[in-house]
C-alpha atoms as a PDB file:
ATOM      1  CA  UNK A   1      99.016 100.699  88.748  1.00  0.00           C
ATOM      2  CA  UNK A   2      97.728 100.344  92.282  1.00  0.00           C
ATOM      3  CA  UNK A   3      97.950  97.197  94.392  1.00  0.00           C
ATOM      4  CA  UNK A   4      95.375  94.596  93.462  1.00  0.00           C
ATOM      5  CA  UNK A   5      92.653  94.206  96.073  1.00  0.00           C
ATOM      6  CA  UNK A   6      91.294  90.881  94.869  1.00  0.00           C
ATOM      7  CA  UNK A   7      94.483  89.017  95.513  1.00  0.00           C
ATOM      8  CA  UNK A   8      97.299  90.946  97.075  1.00  0.00           C
ATOM      9  CA  UNK A   9      99.705  88.175  96.205  1.00  0.00           C
ATOM     10  CA  UNK A  10     100.953  87.990  99.812  1.00  0.00           C
ATOM     11  CA  UNK A  11     104.266  89.740  99.601  1.00  0.00           C
ATOM     12  CA  UNK A  12     104.866  88.502 103.148  1.00  0.00           C
ATOM     13  CA  UNK A  13     103.264  85.128 102.538  1.00  0.00           C
ATOM     14  CA  UNK A  14     106.438  83.680 101.053  1.00  0.00           C
ATOM     15  CA  UNK A  15     109.756  85.183 101.989  1.00  0.00           C
ATOM     16  CA  UNK A  16     112.936  84.570 100.050  1.00  0.00           C
ATOM     17  CA  UNK A  17     115.616  83.819 102.598  1.00  0.00           C
ATOM     18  CA  UNK A  18     119.399  83.805 102.523  1.00  0.00           C
ATOM     19  CA  UNK A  19     119.916  80.771 104.724  1.00  0.00           C
ATOM     20  CA  UNK A  20     122.563  78.061 105.096  1.00  0.00           C
ATOM     21  CA  UNK A  21     121.846  75.160 102.809  1.00  0.00           C
ATOM     22  CA  UNK A  22     120.387  71.936 104.180  1.00  0.00           C
ATOM     23  CA  UNK A  23     122.900  70.001 102.115  1.00  0.00           C
ATOM     24  CA  UNK A  24     125.490  70.503  99.498  1.00  0.00           C
ATOM     25  CA  UNK A  25     125.124  68.259  96.524  1.00  0.00           C
ATOM     26  CA  UNK A  26     128.175  66.657  94.881  1.00  0.00           C
ATOM     27  CA  UNK A  27     128.248  69.125  92.002  1.00  0.00           C
ATOM     28  CA  UNK A  28     131.472  70.804  90.911  1.00  0.00           C
ATOM     29  CA  UNK A  29     131.585  74.385  92.053  1.00  0.00           C
ATOM     30  CA  UNK A  30     131.210  76.838  89.186  1.00  0.00           C
ATOM     31  CA  UNK A  31     133.113  79.889  90.433  1.00  0.00           C
ATOM     32  CA  UNK A  32     132.633  81.691  87.136  1.00  0.00           C
ATOM     33  CA  UNK A  33     128.911  82.018  87.884  1.00  0.00           C
ATOM     34  CA  UNK A  34     127.979  85.425  89.199  1.00  0.00           C
ATOM     35  CA  UNK A  35     124.821  86.617  90.858  1.00  0.00           C
ATOM     36  CA  UNK A  36     122.587  89.094  89.025  1.00  0.00           C
ATOM     37  CA  UNK A  37     119.480  90.723  90.433  1.00  0.00           C
ATOM     38  CA  UNK A  38     116.644  92.649  88.805  1.00  0.00           C
ATOM     39  CA  UNK A  39     113.765  94.193  90.743  1.00  0.00           C
ATOM     40  CA  UNK A  40     111.023  96.709  90.258  1.00  0.00           C
ATOM     41  CA  UNK A  41     107.270  97.301  90.330  1.00  0.00           C
ATOM     42  CA  UNK A  42     104.736  95.640  88.053  1.00  0.00           C
ATOM     43  CA  UNK A  43     101.195  94.256  88.155  1.00  0.00           C
ATOM     44  CA  UNK A  44     100.342  96.353  91.197  1.00  0.00           C
ATOM     45  CA  UNK A  45     103.082  94.793  93.307  1.00  0.00           C
ATOM     46  CA  UNK A  46     106.852  94.284  93.415  1.00  0.00           C
ATOM     47  CA  UNK A  47     108.993  91.729  91.624  1.00  0.00           C
ATOM     48  CA  UNK A  48     112.509  90.434  92.183  1.00  0.00           C
ATOM     49  CA  UNK A  49     114.557  88.162  90.004  1.00  0.00           C
ATOM     50  CA  UNK A  50     117.834  86.540  90.898  1.00  0.00           C
ATOM     51  CA  UNK A  51     119.849  84.510  88.424  1.00  0.00           C
ATOM     52  CA  UNK A  52     123.309  82.995  88.233  1.00  0.00           C
ATOM     53  CA  UNK A  53     125.319  83.086  85.026  1.00  0.00           C
ATOM     54  CA  UNK A  54     128.777  83.803  83.703  1.00  0.00           C
ATOM     55  CA  UNK A  55     127.660  87.178  82.371  1.00  0.00           C
ATOM     56  CA  UNK A  56     124.657  89.490  82.455  1.00  0.00           C
ATOM     57  CA  UNK A  57     122.383  88.051  79.800  1.00  0.00           C
ATOM     58  CA  UNK A  58     119.007  89.515  80.834  1.00  0.00           C
ATOM     59  CA  UNK A  59     118.298  93.243  81.186  1.00  0.00           C
ATOM     60  CA  UNK A  60     115.624  95.001  83.245  1.00  0.00           C
ATOM     61  CA  UNK A  61     114.275  96.580  80.045  1.00  0.00           C
ATOM     62  CA  UNK A  62     113.510  93.094  78.687  1.00  0.00           C
ATOM     63  CA  UNK A  63     111.677  92.122  81.891  1.00  0.00           C
ATOM     64  CA  UNK A  64     109.649  95.310  81.862  1.00  0.00           C
ATOM     65  CA  UNK A  65     108.758  94.776  78.205  1.00  0.00           C
ATOM     66  CA  UNK A  66     107.335  91.372  79.048  1.00  0.00           C
ATOM     67  CA  UNK A  67     105.325  92.855  81.907  1.00  0.00           C
ATOM     68  CA  UNK A  68     103.932  95.398  79.462  1.00  0.00           C
ATOM     69  CA  UNK A  69     102.684  92.640  77.157  1.00  0.00           C
ATOM     70  CA  UNK A  70     101.104  90.759  80.084  1.00  0.00           C
ATOM     71  CA  UNK A  71      99.368  93.850  81.425  1.00  0.00           C
ATOM     72  CA  UNK A  72      97.989  94.682  77.971  1.00  0.00           C
ATOM     73  CA  UNK A  73      96.342  91.258  78.010  1.00  0.00           C
ATOM     74  CA  UNK A  74      95.426  90.518  81.660  1.00  0.00           C
ATOM     75  CA  UNK A  75      95.230  93.661  83.783  1.00  0.00           C
ATOM     76  CA  UNK A  76      91.797  94.766  85.011  1.00  0.00           C
ATOM     77  CA  UNK A  77      93.388  98.078  85.982  1.00  0.00           C
ATOM     78  CA  UNK A  78      94.249  98.877  82.342  1.00  0.00           C
ATOM     79  CA  UNK A  79      91.028 100.087  80.656  1.00  0.00           C
ATOM     80  CA  UNK A  80      92.418  99.180  77.239  1.00  0.00           C
ATOM     81  CA  UNK A  81      93.565  95.612  78.124  1.00  0.00           C
ATOM     82  CA  UNK A  82      91.940  92.599  76.557  1.00  0.00           C
ATOM     83  CA  UNK A  83      90.349  91.581  79.872  1.00  0.00           C
ATOM     84  CA  UNK A  84      88.863  95.044  80.380  1.00  0.00           C
ATOM     85  CA  UNK A  85      87.438  95.025  76.868  1.00  0.00           C
ATOM     86  CA  UNK A  86      85.984  91.603  77.459  1.00  0.00           C
ATOM     87  CA  UNK A  87      84.300  92.711  80.663  1.00  0.00           C
ATOM     88  CA  UNK A  88      82.862  95.757  78.915  1.00  0.00           C
ATOM     89  CA  UNK A  89      81.591  93.729  75.953  1.00  0.00           C
ATOM     90  CA  UNK A  90      78.171  92.145  75.590  1.00  0.00           C
ATOM     91  CA  UNK A  91      79.376  88.935  73.948  1.00  0.00           C
ATOM     92  CA  UNK A  92      83.136  88.594  73.743  1.00  0.00           C
ATOM     93  CA  UNK A  93      86.444  89.727  72.203  1.00  0.00           C
ATOM     94  CA  UNK A  94      89.401  88.518  70.223  1.00  0.00           C
ATOM     95  CA  UNK A  95      92.287  87.416  72.474  1.00  0.00           C
ATOM     96  CA  UNK A  96      96.052  86.838  72.430  1.00  0.00           C
ATOM     97  CA  UNK A  97      98.122  83.858  73.472  1.00  0.00           C
ATOM     98  CA  UNK A  98      98.626  85.060  77.032  1.00  0.00           C
ATOM     99  CA  UNK A  99      94.886  85.453  77.526  1.00  0.00           C
ATOM    100  CA  UNK A 100      94.186  82.115  76.000  1.00  0.00           C
ATOM    101  CA  UNK A 101      96.693  80.277  78.173  1.00  0.00           C
ATOM    102  CA  UNK A 102      95.356  81.814  81.412  1.00  0.00           C
ATOM    103  CA  UNK A 103      91.674  81.215  80.650  1.00  0.00           C
ATOM    104  CA  UNK A 104      92.299  77.691  79.419  1.00  0.00           C
ATOM    105  CA  UNK A 105      94.127  76.782  82.645  1.00  0.00           C
ATOM    106  CA  UNK A 106      91.419  78.552  84.681  1.00  0.00           C
ATOM    107  CA  UNK A 107      88.745  76.458  83.062  1.00  0.00           C
ATOM    108  CA  UNK A 108      90.695  73.303  83.733  1.00  0.00           C
ATOM    109  CA  UNK A 109      91.019  74.146  87.454  1.00  0.00           C
ATOM    110  CA  UNK A 110      87.345  75.216  87.602  1.00  0.00           C
ATOM    111  CA  UNK A 111      86.382  71.716  86.524  1.00  0.00           C
ATOM    112  CA  UNK A 112      88.892  69.959  88.756  1.00  0.00           C
ATOM    113  CA  UNK A 113      87.770  71.886  91.836  1.00  0.00           C
ATOM    114  CA  UNK A 114      84.066  71.688  90.920  1.00  0.00           C
ATOM    115  CA  UNK A 115      83.793  75.443  90.807  1.00  0.00           C
ATOM    116  CA  UNK A 116      85.820  76.408  93.874  1.00  0.00           C
ATOM    117  CA  UNK A 117      88.145  78.310  91.516  1.00  0.00           C
ATOM    118  CA  UNK A 118      86.162  80.479  89.149  1.00  0.00           C
ATOM    119  CA  UNK A 119      87.397  83.572  87.303  1.00  0.00           C
ATOM    120  CA  UNK A 120      83.788  84.699  86.722  1.00  0.00           C
ATOM    121  CA  UNK A 121      83.622  85.632  90.436  1.00  0.00           C
ATOM    122  CA  UNK A 122      84.485  89.213  89.530  1.00  0.00           C
ATOM    123  CA  UNK A 123      80.987  90.695  89.958  1.00  0.00           C
ATOM    124  CA  UNK A 124      81.015  89.411  93.538  1.00  0.00           C
ATOM    125  CA  UNK A 125      84.556  90.674  94.070  1.00  0.00           C
ATOM    126  CA  UNK A 126      83.428  94.125  93.063  1.00  0.00           C
ATOM    127  CA  UNK A 127      80.347  93.965  95.236  1.00  0.00           C
ATOM    128  CA  UNK A 128      82.493  93.220  98.308  1.00  0.00           C
ATOM    129  CA  UNK A 129      84.781  96.108  97.518  1.00  0.00           C
ATOM    130  CA  UNK A 130      87.855  94.342  96.121  1.00  0.00           C
ATOM    131  CA  UNK A 131      87.521  95.513  92.535  1.00  0.00           C
ATOM    132  CA  UNK A 132      88.490  98.754  90.883  1.00  0.00           C
ATOM    133  CA  UNK A 133      86.077 100.756  93.070  1.00  0.00           C
ATOM    134  CA  UNK A 134      85.557 100.852  96.795  1.00  0.00           C
ATOM    135  CA  UNK A 135      82.121 100.294  98.308  1.00  0.00           C
ATOM    136  CA  UNK A 136      80.761 101.850 101.447  1.00  0.00           C
ATOM    137  CA  UNK A 137      78.580  98.988 102.661  1.00  0.00           C
ATOM    138  CA  UNK A 138      78.449  95.232 102.750  1.00  0.00           C
ATOM    139  CA  UNK A 139      76.220  93.821  99.978  1.00  0.00           C
ATOM    140  CA  UNK A 140      72.959  92.396 101.312  1.00  0.00           C
ATOM    141  CA  UNK A 141      71.584  88.972 100.485  1.00  0.00           C
ATOM    142  CA  UNK A 142      69.388  90.360  97.728  1.00  0.00           C
ATOM    143  CA  UNK A 143      72.288  91.982  95.916  1.00  0.00           C
ATOM    144  CA  UNK A 144      74.397  88.821  96.165  1.00  0.00           C
ATOM    145  CA  UNK A 145      71.541  86.711  94.869  1.00  0.00           C
ATOM    146  CA  UNK A 146      71.056  89.081  91.926  1.00  0.00           C
ATOM    147  CA  UNK A 147      74.694  88.530  90.905  1.00  0.00           C
ATOM    148  CA  UNK A 148      74.752  84.753  91.097  1.00  0.00           C
ATOM    149  CA  UNK A 149      73.301  84.198  87.554  1.00  0.00           C
ATOM    150  CA  UNK A 150      76.451  85.983  86.260  1.00  0.00           C
ATOM    151  CA  UNK A 151      78.745  83.530  88.008  1.00  0.00           C
ATOM    152  CA  UNK A 152      80.045  80.279  86.486  1.00  0.00           C
ATOM    153  CA  UNK A 153      82.817  79.495  84.059  1.00  0.00           C
ATOM    154  CA  UNK A 154      80.471  77.236  82.088  1.00  0.00           C
ATOM    155  CA  UNK A 155      79.140  80.539  80.707  1.00  0.00           C
ATOM    156  CA  UNK A 156      82.509  81.147  79.006  1.00  0.00           C
ATOM    157  CA  UNK A 157      83.418  79.701  75.605  1.00  0.00           C
ATOM    158  CA  UNK A 158      87.086  79.700  74.615  1.00  0.00           C
ATOM    159  CA  UNK A 159      88.881  79.242  71.314  1.00  0.00           C
ATOM    160  CA  UNK A 160      92.530  80.026  70.562  1.00  0.00           C
ATOM    161  CA  UNK A 161      91.564  83.400  69.112  1.00  0.00           C
ATOM    162  CA  UNK A 162      88.382  84.449  70.960  1.00  0.00           C
ATOM    163  CA  UNK A 163      86.553  84.313  74.298  1.00  0.00           C
ATOM    164  CA  UNK A 164      82.777  84.698  74.341  1.00  0.00           C
ATOM    165  CA  UNK A 165      80.163  84.695  77.092  1.00  0.00           C
ATOM    166  CA  UNK A 166      76.517  83.750  77.455  1.00  0.00           C
ATOM    167  CA  UNK A 167      75.442  86.884  79.296  1.00  0.00           C
ATOM    168  CA  UNK A 168      76.659  90.500  79.194  1.00  0.00           C
ATOM    169  CA  UNK A 169      76.920  90.525  83.021  1.00  0.00           C
ATOM    170  CA  UNK A 170      79.603  87.787  82.997  1.00  0.00           C
ATOM    171  CA  UNK A 171      82.891  89.447  83.872  1.00  0.00           C
ATOM    172  CA  UNK A 172      86.218  87.840  84.770  1.00  0.00           C
ATOM    173  CA  UNK A 173      89.130  88.585  87.023  1.00  0.00           C
ATOM    174  CA  UNK A 174      92.267  86.477  86.547  1.00  0.00           C
ATOM    175  CA  UNK A 175      94.220  87.986  89.465  1.00  0.00           C
ATOM    176  CA  UNK A 176      93.968  84.661  91.280  1.00  0.00           C
ATOM    177  CA  UNK A 177      96.090  82.939  88.610  1.00  0.00           C
ATOM    178  CA  UNK A 178      97.658  85.534  86.300  1.00  0.00           C
ATOM    179  CA  UNK A 179     100.496  86.356  88.635  1.00  0.00           C
ATOM    180  CA  UNK A 180     101.532  82.704  88.643  1.00  0.00           C
ATOM    181  CA  UNK A 181     101.380  82.653  84.887  1.00  0.00           C
ATOM    182  CA  UNK A 182     103.555  85.770  84.748  1.00  0.00           C
ATOM    183  CA  UNK A 183     106.140  84.004  86.908  1.00  0.00           C
ATOM    184  CA  UNK A 184     106.159  81.109  84.446  1.00  0.00           C
ATOM    185  CA  UNK A 185     106.516  83.439  81.484  1.00  0.00           C
ATOM    186  CA  UNK A 186     109.536  85.051  83.124  1.00  0.00           C
ATOM    187  CA  UNK A 187     111.050  81.669  84.024  1.00  0.00           C
ATOM    188  CA  UNK A 188     110.643  80.428  80.444  1.00  0.00           C
ATOM    189  CA  UNK A 189     112.309  83.617  79.206  1.00  0.00           C
ATOM    190  CA  UNK A 190     115.303  82.961  81.443  1.00  0.00           C
ATOM    191  CA  UNK A 191     115.573  79.370  80.291  1.00  0.00           C
ATOM    192  CA  UNK A 192     115.351  80.443  76.658  1.00  0.00           C
ATOM    193  CA  UNK A 193     118.395  82.580  77.367  1.00  0.00           C
ATOM    194  CA  UNK A 194     120.323  79.586  78.657  1.00  0.00           C
ATOM    195  CA  UNK A 195     119.955  80.417  82.346  1.00  0.00           C
ATOM    196  CA  UNK A 196     119.447  77.282  84.480  1.00  0.00           C
ATOM    197  CA  UNK A 197     119.814  78.720  87.998  1.00  0.00           C
ATOM    198  CA  UNK A 198     117.291  81.360  88.924  1.00  0.00           C
ATOM    199  CA  UNK A 199     114.517  82.464  91.278  1.00  0.00           C
ATOM    200  CA  UNK A 200     111.658  84.578  89.957  1.00  0.00           C
ATOM    201  CA  UNK A 201     109.304  86.186  92.472  1.00  0.00           C
ATOM    202  CA  UNK A 202     106.336  88.406  91.641  1.00  0.00           C
ATOM    203  CA  UNK A 203     104.304  89.561  94.622  1.00  0.00           C
ATOM    204  CA  UNK A 204     105.286  86.479  96.624  1.00  0.00           C
ATOM    205  CA  UNK A 205     104.602  83.912  93.878  1.00  0.00           C
ATOM    206  CA  UNK A 206     107.813  82.003  93.090  1.00  0.00           C
ATOM    207  CA  UNK A 207     109.409  79.857  90.478  1.00  0.00           C
ATOM    208  CA  UNK A 208     112.838  78.474  91.306  1.00  0.00           C
ATOM    209  CA  UNK A 209     115.364  76.253  89.548  1.00  0.00           C
ATOM    210  CA  UNK A 210     118.893  75.172  90.286  1.00  0.00           C
ATOM    211  CA  UNK A 211     121.266  76.502  92.921  1.00  0.00           C
ATOM    212  CA  UNK A 212     122.906  79.689  94.046  1.00  0.00           C
ATOM    213  CA  UNK A 213     126.531  80.498  93.340  1.00  0.00           C
ATOM    214  CA  UNK A 214     129.375  80.808  94.120  1.00  0.00           C
ATOM    215  CA  UNK A 215     128.256  78.938  97.252  1.00  0.00           C
ATOM    216  CA  UNK A 216     126.794  76.055  95.209  1.00  0.00           C
ATOM    217  CA  UNK A 217     123.960  75.714  97.736  1.00  0.00           C
ATOM    218  CA  UNK A 218     120.231  75.184  97.519  1.00  0.00           C
ATOM    219  CA  UNK A 219     117.928  78.221  97.592  1.00  0.00           C
ATOM    220  CA  UNK A 220     115.713  78.517 100.667  1.00  0.00           C
ATOM    221  CA  UNK A 221     112.198  79.919 100.829  1.00  0.00           C
ATOM    222  CA  UNK A 222     110.454  80.943 104.028  1.00  0.00           C
ATOM    223  CA  UNK A 223     106.718  80.475 104.710  1.00  0.00           C
ATOM    224  CA  UNK A 224     105.245  83.203 106.870  1.00  0.00           C
ATOM    225  CA  UNK A 225     103.709  82.716 110.262  1.00  0.00           C
ATOM    226  CA  UNK A 226     100.546  84.807 110.239  1.00  0.00           C
ATOM    227  CA  UNK A 227     100.629  87.753 112.682  1.00  0.00           C
ATOM    228  CA  UNK A 228      98.052  87.740 115.428  1.00  0.00           C
ATOM    229  CA  UNK A 229      96.805  91.143 114.365  1.00  0.00           C
ATOM    230  CA  UNK A 230      97.318  93.635 111.523  1.00  0.00           C
ATOM    231  CA  UNK A 231      99.842  95.635 113.502  1.00  0.00           C
ATOM    232  CA  UNK A 232     102.150  92.785 114.473  1.00  0.00           C
ATOM    233  CA  UNK A 233     105.116  91.786 112.324  1.00  0.00           C
ATOM    234  CA  UNK A 234     104.927  88.267 111.033  1.00  0.00           C
ATOM    235  CA  UNK A 235     107.734  85.759 111.410  1.00  0.00           C
ATOM    236  CA  UNK A 236     108.795  82.666 109.479  1.00  0.00           C
ATOM    237  CA  UNK A 237     106.967  79.435 110.357  1.00  0.00           C
ATOM    238  CA  UNK A 238     108.659  77.017 108.003  1.00  0.00           C
ATOM    239  CA  UNK A 239     111.568  76.973 105.559  1.00  0.00           C
ATOM    240  CA  UNK A 240     111.517  74.895 102.359  1.00  0.00           C
ATOM    241  CA  UNK A 241     113.967  74.076  99.613  1.00  0.00           C
ATOM    242  CA  UNK A 242     112.569  73.415  96.114  1.00  0.00           C
ATOM    243  CA  UNK A 243     115.171  72.450  93.534  1.00  0.00           C
ATOM    244  CA  UNK A 244     112.900  72.911  90.493  1.00  0.00           C
ATOM    245  CA  UNK A 245     109.297  74.102  90.735  1.00  0.00           C
ATOM    246  CA  UNK A 246     106.865  76.734  91.891  1.00  0.00           C
ATOM    247  CA  UNK A 247     105.631  77.914  95.288  1.00  0.00           C
ATOM    248  CA  UNK A 248     102.593  80.119  95.868  1.00  0.00           C
ATOM    249  CA  UNK A 249     100.516  81.060  98.910  1.00  0.00           C
ATOM    250  CA  UNK A 250      96.933  82.157  99.407  1.00  0.00           C
ATOM    251  CA  UNK A 251      95.858  83.549 102.758  1.00  0.00           C
ATOM    252  CA  UNK A 252      92.788  85.145 104.259  1.00  0.00           C
ATOM    253  CA  UNK A 253      94.713  87.130 106.827  1.00  0.00           C
ATOM    254  CA  UNK A 254      96.656  89.685 104.771  1.00  0.00           C
ATOM    255  CA  UNK A 255      94.276  91.298 102.253  1.00  0.00           C
ATOM    256  CA  UNK A 256      91.003  92.205 103.917  1.00  0.00           C
ATOM    257  CA  UNK A 257      88.623  95.108 104.388  1.00  0.00           C
ATOM    258  CA  UNK A 258      87.007  96.452 107.476  1.00  0.00           C
ATOM    259  CA  UNK A 259      83.422  97.643 107.246  1.00  0.00           C
ATOM    260  CA  UNK A 260      82.455  98.759 110.734  1.00  0.00           C
ATOM    261  CA  UNK A 261      83.622  96.100 113.105  1.00  0.00           C
ATOM    262  CA  UNK A 262      83.532  93.325 110.490  1.00  0.00           C
ATOM    263  CA  UNK A 263      86.733  92.013 108.886  1.00  0.00           C
ATOM    264  CA  UNK A 264      86.121  90.757 105.336  1.00  0.00           C
ATOM    265  CA  UNK A 265      88.489  88.445 103.490  1.00  0.00           C
ATOM    266  CA  UNK A 266      89.328  89.203  99.851  1.00  0.00           C
ATOM    267  CA  UNK A 267      88.793  85.583  98.926  1.00  0.00           C
ATOM    268  CA  UNK A 268      85.177  85.277  97.765  1.00  0.00           C
ATOM    269  CA  UNK A 269      83.501  81.902  97.413  1.00  0.00           C
ATOM    270  CA  UNK A 270      81.944  81.741  93.941  1.00  0.00           C
ATOM    271  CA  UNK A 271      79.476  79.114  95.109  1.00  0.00           C
ATOM    272  CA  UNK A 272      77.959  81.084  97.960  1.00  0.00           C
ATOM    273  CA  UNK A 273      78.812  84.678  97.022  1.00  0.00           C
ATOM    274  CA  UNK A 274      80.330  85.327 100.463  1.00  0.00           C
ATOM    275  CA  UNK A 275      83.920  85.738 101.702  1.00  0.00           C
ATOM    276  CA  UNK A 276      85.893  82.673 102.700  1.00  0.00           C
ATOM    277  CA  UNK A 277      85.001  81.328 106.138  1.00  0.00           C
ATOM    278  CA  UNK A 278      86.870  78.054 106.485  1.00  0.00           C
ATOM    279  CA  UNK A 279      89.372  77.209 109.208  1.00  0.00           C
ATOM    280  CA  UNK A 280      92.300  77.524 106.816  1.00  0.00           C
ATOM    281  CA  UNK A 281      94.306  80.706 107.342  1.00  0.00           C
ATOM    282  CA  UNK A 282      96.784  80.118 104.546  1.00  0.00           C
ATOM    283  CA  UNK A 283      97.486  77.530 101.878  1.00  0.00           C
ATOM    284  CA  UNK A 284     100.901  77.121 100.335  1.00  0.00           C
ATOM    285  CA  UNK A 285     101.161  75.019  97.220  1.00  0.00           C
ATOM    286  CA  UNK A 286     104.186  73.473  95.419  1.00  0.00           C
ATOM    287  CA  UNK A 287     103.687  72.469  91.809  1.00  0.00           C
ATOM    288  CA  UNK A 288     105.707  72.045  88.678  1.00  0.00           C
ATOM    289  CA  UNK A 289     104.680  75.499  87.437  1.00  0.00           C
ATOM    290  CA  UNK A 290     103.369  78.631  89.067  1.00  0.00           C
ATOM    291  CA  UNK A 291     100.139  78.938  87.153  1.00  0.00           C
ATOM    292  CA  UNK A 292      99.061  75.577  88.586  1.00  0.00           C
ATOM    293  CA  UNK A 293     100.128  76.371  92.134  1.00  0.00           C
ATOM    294  CA  UNK A 294      98.548  79.819  91.953  1.00  0.00           C
ATOM    295  CA  UNK A 295      95.272  78.552  90.587  1.00  0.00           C
ATOM    296  CA  UNK A 296      94.857  75.883  93.245  1.00  0.00           C
ATOM    297  CA  UNK A 297      95.866  77.745  96.407  1.00  0.00           C
ATOM    298  CA  UNK A 298      92.683  79.847  96.652  1.00  0.00           C
ATOM    299  CA  UNK A 299      90.498  76.837  95.821  1.00  0.00           C
ATOM    300  CA  UNK A 300      92.082  74.741  98.524  1.00  0.00           C
ATOM    301  CA  UNK A 301      91.543  77.464 101.106  1.00  0.00           C
ATOM    302  CA  UNK A 302      87.876  77.674 100.168  1.00  0.00           C
ATOM    303  CA  UNK A 303      87.414  73.892 100.363  1.00  0.00           C
ATOM    304  CA  UNK A 304      88.238  73.676 104.075  1.00  0.00           C
ATOM    305  CA  UNK A 305      90.928  71.450 105.540  1.00  0.00           C
ATOM    306  CA  UNK A 306      89.343  67.986 105.393  1.00  0.00           C
ATOM    307  CA  UNK A 307      88.085  68.431 101.851  1.00  0.00           C
ATOM    308  CA  UNK A 308      91.368  69.921 100.708  1.00  0.00           C
ATOM    309  CA  UNK A 309      93.452  67.102 102.138  1.00  0.00           C
ATOM    310  CA  UNK A 310      91.170  64.494 100.536  1.00  0.00           C
ATOM    311  CA  UNK A 311      91.292  66.359  97.246  1.00  0.00           C
ATOM    312  CA  UNK A 312      95.072  66.386  97.288  1.00  0.00           C
ATOM    313  CA  UNK A 313      95.388  62.643  97.940  1.00  0.00           C
ATOM    314  CA  UNK A 314      94.391  62.065  94.317  1.00  0.00           C
ATOM    315  CA  UNK A 315      96.733  64.658  92.877  1.00  0.00           C
ATOM    316  CA  UNK A 316     100.307  63.652  93.385  1.00  0.00           C
ATOM    317  CA  UNK A 317     101.630  66.591  91.369  1.00  0.00           C
ATOM    318  CA  UNK A 318     100.355  69.073  94.024  1.00  0.00           C
ATOM    319  CA  UNK A 319     101.889  69.438  97.471  1.00  0.00           C
ATOM    320  CA  UNK A 320     100.396  71.700 100.127  1.00  0.00           C
ATOM    321  CA  UNK A 321     101.069  73.176 103.530  1.00  0.00           C
ATOM    322  CA  UNK A 322      98.173  74.569 105.558  1.00  0.00           C
ATOM    323  CA  UNK A 323      98.096  76.881 108.540  1.00  0.00           C
ATOM    324  CA  UNK A 324      94.694  76.674 110.186  1.00  0.00           C
ATOM    325  CA  UNK A 325      92.703  77.629 113.257  1.00  0.00           C
ATOM    326  CA  UNK A 326      91.454  74.920 115.617  1.00  0.00           C
ATOM    327  CA  UNK A 327      88.014  75.136 117.184  1.00  0.00           C
ATOM    328  CA  UNK A 328      89.619  76.491 120.347  1.00  0.00           C
ATOM    329  CA  UNK A 329      91.194  79.297 118.289  1.00  0.00           C
ATOM    330  CA  UNK A 330      94.767  78.018 118.585  1.00  0.00           C
ATOM    331  CA  UNK A 331      96.840  77.945 115.421  1.00  0.00           C
ATOM    332  CA  UNK A 332      98.218  74.715 113.942  1.00  0.00           C
ATOM    333  CA  UNK A 333      99.679  73.496 110.671  1.00  0.00           C
ATOM    334  CA  UNK A 334      99.696  70.339 108.583  1.00  0.00           C
ATOM    335  CA  UNK A 335     101.115  69.176 105.247  1.00  0.00           C
ATOM    336  CA  UNK A 336     100.407  66.650 102.565  1.00  0.00           C
ATOM    337  CA  UNK A 337     102.842  63.723 102.492  1.00  0.00           C
ATOM    338  CA  UNK A 338     104.522  65.092  99.391  1.00  0.00           C
ATOM    339  CA  UNK A 339     105.180  68.518 100.892  1.00  0.00           C
ATOM    340  CA  UNK A 340     107.129  67.181 103.816  1.00  0.00           C
ATOM    341  CA  UNK A 341     110.137  66.281 101.647  1.00  0.00           C
ATOM    342  CA  UNK A 342     110.654  69.988 100.868  1.00  0.00           C
ATOM    343  CA  UNK A 343     110.750  71.095 104.497  1.00  0.00           C
ATOM    344  CA  UNK A 344     114.160  72.079 105.813  1.00  0.00           C
ATOM    345  CA  UNK A 345     114.790  70.459 109.198  1.00  0.00           C
END
């Protein structure tokens, strides 16, 4: 499967670092815990899992089997997946639990963000060249306007066993949230196997719990400093330590297309039909689970900084870090109050 163009999951957006711990908690050292790592390719990107246990209790074959189930449900690059069959249908299809969970959460975030996050954006994503097929030209205003009647999650109707749509042209792409969901599925699988110290990363989306051994130290995560251009290597701007939760990043600077001299972001605003154009360069979100963090990071970027910060004041379970461009083109950053406690000095 090739790398997703709609959301490239920012492999460099969040870096997993091996850094000295900010502090060592008063927890007895468990020297019998060993470090186990599993890595590979899935969902058009790479994944890496690290867990600490007395013995190897999770195999790569088990991880790959779970990815197979998820792709059968949610991959737009699999023509036989449930989502591909839904998009090809005139009215709807029967669905599985994975599909139901992702669409249900997507509808929740659609309502919370007043449409800033909308999985029915897929016709626009394709028009701008971030779908399965490349395009040779930028869509004109008439083409965008012709697609807008197909956009809007209110046109979807979900039950535990079926998803239907009001119009045949309504098509969905869950790449903006499904990778976070996949991280959660993997994390839940580890916990069901009695593993309480782990870090799951799929394409830069992370779920972490516990500590690393035998050092008995907190796990550190680096947030990337965007490069000034596509040829420059990016560095680390901040380091955070999250004892139990999820971290995801959305950025307009990594996955883009060039048509002529124009640079086009992969993040398409479902309200306007055009690529993101706010001052936010990247939005990193910490939440209890990855599906929540992943669903909100794009929406916050599309809101713009002032709106996003105001939105987050009322949602204490979401913490965010923004890198943005000032009017004079200099780069700055800011955080919500809740995010600051995760920053490593």
